[in-house]
Protein backbone atom coordinates (compact mmCIF):
# COMPACT_ATOMS: atom_id res chain seq x y z
CA MET A 1 76.85 93.75 98.82
CA ASN A 2 76.33 96.52 96.19
CA PHE A 3 78.62 99.55 96.28
CA ASP A 4 77.82 102.51 94.03
CA ASN A 5 80.81 104.63 93.17
CA ARG A 6 80.39 107.06 96.10
CA THR A 7 79.87 104.59 98.59
CA GLY A 8 82.89 102.46 97.18
CA TYR A 9 85.19 105.63 97.30
CA ASP A 10 84.01 106.25 100.88
CA THR A 11 84.47 102.49 101.99
CA ARG A 12 87.81 102.43 100.54
CA ALA A 13 88.93 105.71 102.25
CA GLY A 14 87.54 104.20 105.53
CA ILE A 15 89.85 100.98 104.93
CA PHE A 16 92.91 103.11 104.53
CA LYS A 17 92.03 105.13 107.67
CA LEU A 18 92.24 101.82 109.76
CA LEU A 19 95.80 101.21 108.66
CA SER A 20 98.77 102.05 110.80
CA ASP A 21 101.68 103.75 109.08
CA ASP A 22 103.64 100.38 109.13
CA GLU A 23 100.54 98.61 107.43
CA ALA A 24 100.30 101.30 104.77
CA THR A 25 103.77 100.84 103.80
CA ILE A 26 103.46 97.14 103.60
CA VAL A 27 100.21 97.53 101.49
CA HIS A 28 102.04 99.93 99.16
CA THR A 29 104.99 97.29 98.83
CA THR A 30 102.72 94.51 98.46
CA ASN A 31 100.89 96.44 95.68
CA THR A 32 104.13 96.77 93.70
CA ALA A 33 105.18 93.21 93.84
CA ALA A 34 104.79 90.90 90.72
CA ARG A 35 101.61 89.07 92.07
CA LEU A 36 100.22 87.47 95.17
CA SER A 37 101.22 84.11 96.20
CA ASP A 38 98.60 81.48 94.94
CA GLY A 39 96.24 80.89 97.86
CA ALA A 40 96.97 84.32 99.34
CA GLN A 41 93.63 86.22 100.73
CA PHE A 42 92.95 89.65 99.53
CA LEU A 43 90.18 92.20 99.03
CA ASP A 44 89.81 93.69 95.63
CA LEU A 45 89.25 97.45 96.59
CA GLU A 46 87.47 98.18 93.35
CA SER A 47 85.20 95.13 93.79
CA LEU A 48 84.51 94.98 97.50
CA ASP A 49 81.11 93.19 96.72
CA GLN A 50 83.20 90.13 95.79
CA GLY A 51 84.29 89.83 99.31
CA VAL A 52 87.40 87.94 100.50
CA GLN A 53 89.04 86.27 97.55
CA ARG A 54 92.07 83.92 96.91
CA ALA A 55 94.74 84.63 94.56
CA ARG A 56 94.91 81.95 91.79
CA GLY A 57 97.57 82.77 89.16
CA THR A 58 96.47 85.97 87.54
CA THR A 59 94.42 88.27 89.57
CA ALA A 60 93.10 91.72 89.50
CA PRO A 61 95.71 94.63 89.15
CA LEU A 62 97.89 94.77 92.19
CA GLY A 63 97.31 98.52 92.63
CA ARG A 64 93.78 97.87 93.85
CA LEU A 65 94.42 94.82 96.06
CA LEU A 66 94.73 94.69 99.76
CA ALA A 67 96.45 91.40 100.81
CA ARG A 68 95.48 89.92 104.14
CA THR A 69 99.17 89.44 104.86
CA ALA A 70 99.83 93.20 104.46
CA VAL A 71 97.96 94.04 107.69
CA ARG A 72 97.61 93.00 111.35
CA GLU A 73 94.73 90.35 112.12
CA LYS A 74 92.87 93.08 114.32
CA THR A 75 93.04 95.52 111.44
CA TRP A 76 91.86 92.82 108.72
CA ASN A 77 88.93 92.04 111.00
CA SER A 78 88.15 95.85 111.25
CA ILE A 79 88.14 96.08 107.57
CA LEU A 80 85.98 93.01 107.00
CA LEU A 81 83.29 94.47 109.51
CA LEU A 82 83.70 97.87 107.77
CA VAL A 83 82.74 96.35 104.22
CA GLY A 84 79.97 94.31 105.88
CA ILE A 85 81.74 90.71 106.02
CA VAL A 86 81.70 88.74 109.21
CA PRO A 87 85.23 87.85 110.15
């Protein structure tokens, strides 16, 4: 996957439109935590072309991460389809 700035912005906006109010709150809370647990799956919203990643110690700044545990399974799968990753 190769996202230019505009496509990346539109894709990130599309991702947030998929979130319920509860999920958006959880995503916000997750992004203010110290860091993700080792092994936790996430998407780096600034580097969607890297696909699903696993947290290992130091990761990308939390303000740009979407942790899998922050959303329902159905939402996670919809997000993966949106960014072109087969769940």
